[in-house]
Amino acid sequence: MDLGALVGTWINSNPDTHSVALVKAWESDGELKLQVSGAGADGLSDWGSADAAVFAATPDAHAGAGFTCRYVFAHGETRFQGMIMKGLLVLAQFHLFNDDRESYFLREYFAATHDRFLKA
């Protein structure tokens, strides 16, 4: 499957997010890998890398249009569902806790970084 549309560095369009600030996606041996960084009081917090399951838009398509991914922590887990829409990464986030906090859902939009407007 062609992963080209998903690969890149994605920045959250909400500068005031209290969740995921940055997503780096790359291809390794035909698989999609993610590295997520969360926004915190002291700057970015690297969540590490994780494998993502990739999905095409239709059964006949050969290009990746979306993915799922899961991060597990001592306090719970976060599940992601991402898709490309109009050139943006739409990231649905499902934050589940195993302590007294309520689980919550969040959807945010990420723009791909690029150097299109930089002068050489």
N, C-alpha and C. Protein backbone atom coordinates (compact mmCIF):
# COMPACT_ATOMS: atom_id res chain seq x y z
N MET A 1 0.84 -1.17 0.00
CA MET A 1 0.00 0.00 0.00
C MET A 1 0.90 1.24 0.00
N ASP A 2 0.51 2.24 -0.76
CA ASP A 2 1.24 3.50 -0.82
C ASP A 2 0.91 4.33 0.42
N LEU A 3 1.91 4.64 1.22
CA LEU A 3 1.73 5.38 2.47
C LEU A 3 2.05 6.87 2.33
N GLY A 4 2.36 7.30 1.11
CA GLY A 4 2.85 8.66 0.87
C GLY A 4 2.00 9.77 1.45
N ALA A 5 0.68 9.66 1.39
CA ALA A 5 -0.19 10.74 1.89
C ALA A 5 -0.13 10.87 3.41
N LEU A 6 0.25 9.81 4.09
CA LEU A 6 0.27 9.81 5.56
C LEU A 6 1.63 10.19 6.14
N VAL A 7 2.68 10.00 5.36
CA VAL A 7 4.05 10.22 5.83
C VAL A 7 4.34 11.71 5.92
N GLY A 8 4.98 12.11 7.00
CA GLY A 8 5.40 13.49 7.16
C GLY A 8 5.38 13.91 8.62
N THR A 9 5.62 15.19 8.83
CA THR A 9 5.54 15.78 10.15
C THR A 9 4.30 16.65 10.19
N TRP A 10 3.43 16.36 11.13
CA TRP A 10 2.12 17.01 11.23
C TRP A 10 2.06 17.83 12.52
N ILE A 11 1.67 19.11 12.38
CA ILE A 11 1.60 20.04 13.52
C ILE A 11 0.15 20.36 13.81
N ASN A 12 -0.23 20.32 15.08
CA ASN A 12 -1.59 20.62 15.49
C ASN A 12 -1.94 22.07 15.11
N SER A 13 -3.11 22.26 14.51
CA SER A 13 -3.54 23.61 14.11
C SER A 13 -4.00 24.44 15.31
N ASN A 14 -4.20 23.80 16.46
CA ASN A 14 -4.62 24.50 17.67
C ASN A 14 -3.38 24.75 18.55
N PRO A 15 -2.87 25.98 18.58
CA PRO A 15 -1.67 26.24 19.37
C PRO A 15 -1.90 26.12 20.87
N ASP A 16 -3.16 26.07 21.30
CA ASP A 16 -3.48 25.97 22.72
C ASP A 16 -3.90 24.56 23.14
N THR A 17 -3.58 23.56 22.32
CA THR A 17 -3.97 22.20 22.65
C THR A 17 -3.36 21.75 23.98
N HIS A 18 -4.07 20.90 24.67
CA HIS A 18 -3.56 20.27 25.89
C HIS A 18 -3.35 18.78 25.65
N SER A 19 -3.30 18.41 24.38
CA SER A 19 -3.18 17.01 24.02
C SER A 19 -1.99 16.83 23.07
N VAL A 20 -2.22 16.23 21.92
CA VAL A 20 -1.16 15.95 20.95
C VAL A 20 -0.80 17.23 20.19
N ALA A 21 0.48 17.55 20.18
CA ALA A 21 0.96 18.75 19.50
C ALA A 21 1.59 18.43 18.15
N LEU A 22 2.21 17.25 18.05
CA LEU A 22 3.03 16.92 16.89
C LEU A 22 2.95 15.42 16.61
N VAL A 23 2.82 15.07 15.34
CA VAL A 23 2.83 13.67 14.92
C VAL A 23 3.85 13.53 13.79
N LYS A 24 4.80 12.65 13.97
CA LYS A 24 5.75 12.32 12.91
C LYS A 24 5.39 10.93 12.42
N ALA A 25 5.21 10.79 11.11
CA ALA A 25 4.84 9.51 10.50
C ALA A 25 5.86 9.17 9.42
N TRP A 26 6.32 7.92 9.42
CA TRP A 26 7.27 7.48 8.41
C TRP A 26 7.01 6.03 8.07
N GLU A 27 7.57 5.64 6.93
CA GLU A 27 7.44 4.26 6.46
C GLU A 27 8.70 3.49 6.81
N SER A 28 8.53 2.29 7.34
CA SER A 28 9.65 1.41 7.65
C SER A 28 9.25 0.00 7.24
N ASP A 29 9.95 -0.55 6.26
CA ASP A 29 9.68 -1.90 5.75
C ASP A 29 8.21 -2.06 5.34
N GLY A 30 7.66 -1.04 4.70
CA GLY A 30 6.29 -1.11 4.21
C GLY A 30 5.22 -0.86 5.25
N GLU A 31 5.63 -0.55 6.47
CA GLU A 31 4.68 -0.30 7.57
C GLU A 31 4.73 1.16 7.97
N LEU A 32 3.62 1.67 8.51
CA LEU A 32 3.57 3.04 8.99
C LEU A 32 3.94 3.08 10.47
N LYS A 33 4.86 3.96 10.82
CA LYS A 33 5.30 4.17 12.21
C LYS A 33 4.94 5.60 12.59
N LEU A 34 4.56 5.78 13.85
CA LEU A 34 4.23 7.11 14.36
C LEU A 34 5.08 7.43 15.57
N GLN A 35 5.42 8.71 15.71
CA GLN A 35 6.02 9.23 16.92
C GLN A 35 5.19 10.44 17.31
N VAL A 36 4.56 10.37 18.46
CA VAL A 36 3.63 11.40 18.92
C VAL A 36 4.30 12.19 20.04
N SER A 37 4.07 13.50 20.02
CA SER A 37 4.53 14.36 21.10
C SER A 37 3.34 15.12 21.64
N GLY A 38 3.19 15.09 22.95
CA GLY A 38 2.10 15.79 23.61
C GLY A 38 2.53 17.16 24.08
N ALA A 39 1.56 18.08 24.19
CA ALA A 39 1.83 19.42 24.70
C ALA A 39 1.79 19.36 26.23
N GLY A 40 2.78 19.94 26.86
CA GLY A 40 2.82 19.95 28.31
C GLY A 40 3.26 21.30 28.83
N ALA A 41 3.20 21.48 30.12
CA ALA A 41 3.59 22.74 30.75
C ALA A 41 5.05 23.08 30.49
N ASP A 42 5.89 22.05 30.35
CA ASP A 42 7.32 22.26 30.13
C ASP A 42 7.74 22.04 28.69
N GLY A 43 6.80 22.09 27.75
CA GLY A 43 7.11 21.87 26.34
C GLY A 43 6.58 20.53 25.86
N LEU A 44 7.18 20.03 24.79
CA LEU A 44 6.73 18.77 24.20
C LEU A 44 7.17 17.57 25.03
N SER A 45 6.30 16.58 25.08
CA SER A 45 6.58 15.32 25.77
C SER A 45 6.53 14.20 24.74
N ASP A 46 7.65 13.56 24.49
CA ASP A 46 7.74 12.49 23.48
C ASP A 46 7.08 11.23 24.01
N TRP A 47 6.07 10.74 23.31
CA TRP A 47 5.36 9.51 23.71
C TRP A 47 6.06 8.28 23.16
N GLY A 48 7.08 8.46 22.34
CA GLY A 48 7.76 7.33 21.73
C GLY A 48 7.12 6.96 20.40
N SER A 49 7.58 5.86 19.85
CA SER A 49 7.06 5.43 18.55
C SER A 49 6.11 4.25 18.71
N ALA A 50 5.23 4.11 17.73
CA ALA A 50 4.25 3.02 17.73
C ALA A 50 3.94 2.61 16.30
N ASP A 51 3.51 1.37 16.14
CA ASP A 51 3.07 0.87 14.85
C ASP A 51 1.64 1.29 14.60
N ALA A 52 1.33 1.59 13.35
CA ALA A 52 -0.03 1.97 12.97
C ALA A 52 -0.56 0.99 11.94
N ALA A 53 -1.84 0.67 12.04
CA ALA A 53 -2.53 -0.13 11.03
C ALA A 53 -3.10 0.84 10.01
N VAL A 54 -2.83 0.61 8.73
CA VAL A 54 -3.23 1.53 7.67
C VAL A 54 -4.42 0.96 6.90
N PHE A 55 -5.29 1.87 6.48
CA PHE A 55 -6.50 1.51 5.74
C PHE A 55 -6.60 2.35 4.48
N ALA A 56 -7.07 1.73 3.39
CA ALA A 56 -7.34 2.44 2.14
C ALA A 56 -8.76 3.01 2.21
N ALA A 57 -9.07 3.91 1.29
CA ALA A 57 -10.39 4.55 1.28
C ALA A 57 -11.48 3.61 0.76
N THR A 58 -11.10 2.66 -0.08
CA THR A 58 -12.04 1.68 -0.64
C THR A 58 -11.33 0.34 -0.76
N PRO A 59 -12.06 -0.76 -0.93
CA PRO A 59 -11.41 -2.07 -1.07
C PRO A 59 -10.50 -2.17 -2.29
N ASP A 60 -10.74 -1.36 -3.32
CA ASP A 60 -9.94 -1.41 -4.54
C ASP A 60 -8.77 -0.43 -4.55
N ALA A 61 -8.72 0.47 -3.58
CA ALA A 61 -7.67 1.49 -3.55
C ALA A 61 -6.35 0.90 -3.07
N HIS A 62 -5.27 1.53 -3.47
CA HIS A 62 -3.94 1.07 -3.08
C HIS A 62 -3.16 2.14 -2.33
N ALA A 63 -3.83 3.20 -1.93
CA ALA A 63 -3.19 4.28 -1.19
C ALA A 63 -3.76 4.34 0.22
N GLY A 64 -2.90 4.54 1.19
CA GLY A 64 -3.35 4.68 2.57
C GLY A 64 -4.10 5.99 2.76
N ALA A 65 -5.29 5.89 3.33
CA ALA A 65 -6.11 7.08 3.56
C ALA A 65 -6.33 7.34 5.05
N GLY A 66 -6.05 6.34 5.88
CA GLY A 66 -6.26 6.49 7.31
C GLY A 66 -5.51 5.43 8.08
N PHE A 67 -5.52 5.57 9.41
CA PHE A 67 -4.80 4.62 10.25
C PHE A 67 -5.43 4.57 11.64
N THR A 68 -5.08 3.52 12.35
CA THR A 68 -5.35 3.43 13.78
C THR A 68 -4.03 3.15 14.48
N CYS A 69 -3.98 3.54 15.74
CA CYS A 69 -2.75 3.37 16.53
C CYS A 69 -3.13 3.40 18.00
N ARG A 70 -2.27 2.81 18.82
CA ARG A 70 -2.56 2.73 20.26
C ARG A 70 -1.28 2.95 21.06
N TYR A 71 -1.38 3.80 22.06
CA TYR A 71 -0.30 4.01 23.03
C TYR A 71 -0.79 3.56 24.40
N VAL A 72 0.01 2.77 25.09
CA VAL A 72 -0.35 2.28 26.42
C VAL A 72 0.59 2.91 27.45
N PHE A 73 -0.01 3.42 28.52
CA PHE A 73 0.74 4.07 29.59
C PHE A 73 0.38 3.41 30.92
N ALA A 74 1.10 3.74 31.96
CA ALA A 74 0.79 3.21 33.28
C ALA A 74 -0.58 3.69 33.76
N HIS A 75 -0.98 4.90 33.37
CA HIS A 75 -2.25 5.49 33.82
C HIS A 75 -3.44 5.17 32.91
N GLY A 76 -3.19 4.47 31.78
CA GLY A 76 -4.28 4.15 30.86
C GLY A 76 -3.75 3.98 29.44
N GLU A 77 -4.53 4.42 28.47
CA GLU A 77 -4.10 4.31 27.09
C GLU A 77 -4.76 5.39 26.24
N THR A 78 -4.16 5.64 25.08
CA THR A 78 -4.73 6.54 24.09
C THR A 78 -4.82 5.78 22.78
N ARG A 79 -5.99 5.84 22.18
CA ARG A 79 -6.21 5.23 20.86
C ARG A 79 -6.41 6.36 19.84
N PHE A 80 -5.81 6.18 18.68
CA PHE A 80 -5.93 7.18 17.61
C PHE A 80 -6.61 6.58 16.40
N GLN A 81 -7.41 7.40 15.75
CA GLN A 81 -7.91 7.13 14.41
C GLN A 81 -7.59 8.38 13.60
N GLY A 82 -6.79 8.21 12.56
CA GLY A 82 -6.40 9.35 11.74
C GLY A 82 -6.82 9.15 10.31
N MET A 83 -7.11 10.27 9.64
CA MET A 83 -7.44 10.21 8.22
C MET A 83 -7.02 11.51 7.56
N ILE A 84 -6.74 11.44 6.29
CA ILE A 84 -6.40 12.62 5.51
C ILE A 84 -7.69 13.17 4.91
N MET A 85 -7.93 14.47 5.14
CA MET A 85 -9.10 15.13 4.57
C MET A 85 -8.68 16.53 4.14
N LYS A 86 -8.82 16.79 2.84
CA LYS A 86 -8.48 18.10 2.27
C LYS A 86 -7.07 18.54 2.63
N GLY A 87 -6.14 17.59 2.62
CA GLY A 87 -4.74 17.88 2.89
C GLY A 87 -4.36 17.98 4.35
N LEU A 88 -5.32 17.79 5.24
CA LEU A 88 -5.06 17.83 6.68
C LEU A 88 -5.13 16.43 7.26
N LEU A 89 -4.43 16.22 8.35
CA LEU A 89 -4.58 15.00 9.13
C LEU A 89 -5.64 15.28 10.20
N VAL A 90 -6.74 14.56 10.14
CA VAL A 90 -7.78 14.66 11.16
C VAL A 90 -7.52 13.53 12.13
N LEU A 91 -7.25 13.89 13.38
CA LEU A 91 -6.87 12.89 14.37
C LEU A 91 -7.91 12.82 15.48
N ALA A 92 -8.63 11.69 15.50
CA ALA A 92 -9.58 11.42 16.58
C ALA A 92 -8.79 10.73 17.69
N GLN A 93 -8.97 11.23 18.91
CA GLN A 93 -8.21 10.74 20.06
C GLN A 93 -9.17 10.23 21.12
N PHE A 94 -8.91 9.03 21.59
CA PHE A 94 -9.71 8.40 22.64
C PHE A 94 -8.79 8.16 23.83
N HIS A 95 -8.92 8.99 24.85
CA HIS A 95 -8.06 8.91 26.03
C HIS A 95 -8.80 8.16 27.13
N LEU A 96 -8.26 7.00 27.53
CA LEU A 96 -8.87 6.16 28.55
C LEU A 96 -7.95 6.09 29.76
N PHE A 97 -8.52 6.20 30.96
CA PHE A 97 -7.73 6.20 32.18
C PHE A 97 -8.12 5.04 33.08
N ASN A 98 -7.16 4.55 33.84
CA ASN A 98 -7.46 3.50 34.82
C ASN A 98 -7.36 4.05 36.24
N ASP A 99 -7.46 5.37 36.37
CA ASP A 99 -7.53 6.01 37.70
C ASP A 99 -8.88 6.73 37.81
N ASP A 100 -8.99 7.76 38.60
CA ASP A 100 -10.29 8.39 38.84
C ASP A 100 -10.67 9.43 37.78
N ARG A 101 -9.86 9.64 36.76
CA ARG A 101 -10.20 10.59 35.70
C ARG A 101 -11.20 9.99 34.72
N GLU A 102 -12.01 10.86 34.13
CA GLU A 102 -12.97 10.42 33.12
C GLU A 102 -12.27 10.26 31.78
N SER A 103 -12.61 9.21 31.06
CA SER A 103 -12.12 9.05 29.70
C SER A 103 -12.75 10.13 28.83
N TYR A 104 -12.03 10.54 27.78
CA TYR A 104 -12.59 11.58 26.92
C TYR A 104 -12.17 11.39 25.47
N PHE A 105 -12.94 12.04 24.60
CA PHE A 105 -12.73 12.01 23.16
C PHE A 105 -12.35 13.42 22.71
N LEU A 106 -11.45 13.49 21.74
CA LEU A 106 -11.01 14.78 21.20
C LEU A 106 -10.69 14.58 19.72
N ARG A 107 -11.08 15.55 18.90
CA ARG A 107 -10.70 15.51 17.47
C ARG A 107 -10.00 16.82 17.15
N GLU A 108 -8.80 16.71 16.58
CA GLU A 108 -8.04 17.90 16.22
C GLU A 108 -7.48 17.74 14.80
N TYR A 109 -7.06 18.86 14.24
CA TYR A 109 -6.61 18.92 12.86
C TYR A 109 -5.14 19.31 12.82
N PHE A 110 -4.39 18.63 11.94
CA PHE A 110 -2.96 18.81 11.84
C PHE A 110 -2.58 19.15 10.41
N ALA A 111 -1.68 20.13 10.25
CA ALA A 111 -1.17 20.52 8.94
C ALA A 111 0.23 19.93 8.76
N ALA A 112 0.52 19.54 7.54
CA ALA A 112 1.85 19.00 7.24
C ALA A 112 2.85 20.14 7.17
N THR A 113 4.02 19.93 7.74
CA THR A 113 5.08 20.92 7.61
C THR A 113 5.74 20.71 6.24
N HIS A 114 6.23 21.78 5.69
CA HIS A 114 6.88 21.71 4.38
C HIS A 114 7.79 22.92 4.23
N ASP A 115 8.60 22.90 3.18
CA ASP A 115 9.48 24.03 2.93
C ASP A 115 9.12 24.74 1.62
N ARG A 116 7.89 24.60 1.20
CA ARG A 116 7.45 25.17 -0.09
C ARG A 116 7.72 26.66 -0.20
N PHE A 117 7.56 27.41 0.88
CA PHE A 117 7.68 28.86 0.81
C PHE A 117 9.03 29.38 1.30
N LEU A 118 9.93 28.46 1.65
CA LEU A 118 11.26 28.87 2.06
C LEU A 118 12.13 29.12 0.84
N LYS A 119 12.95 30.14 0.92
CA LYS A 119 13.86 30.44 -0.20
C LYS A 119 15.18 29.71 0.04
N ALA A 120 15.74 29.20 -1.02
CA ALA A 120 17.01 28.45 -0.94
C ALA A 120 18.17 29.37 -0.72
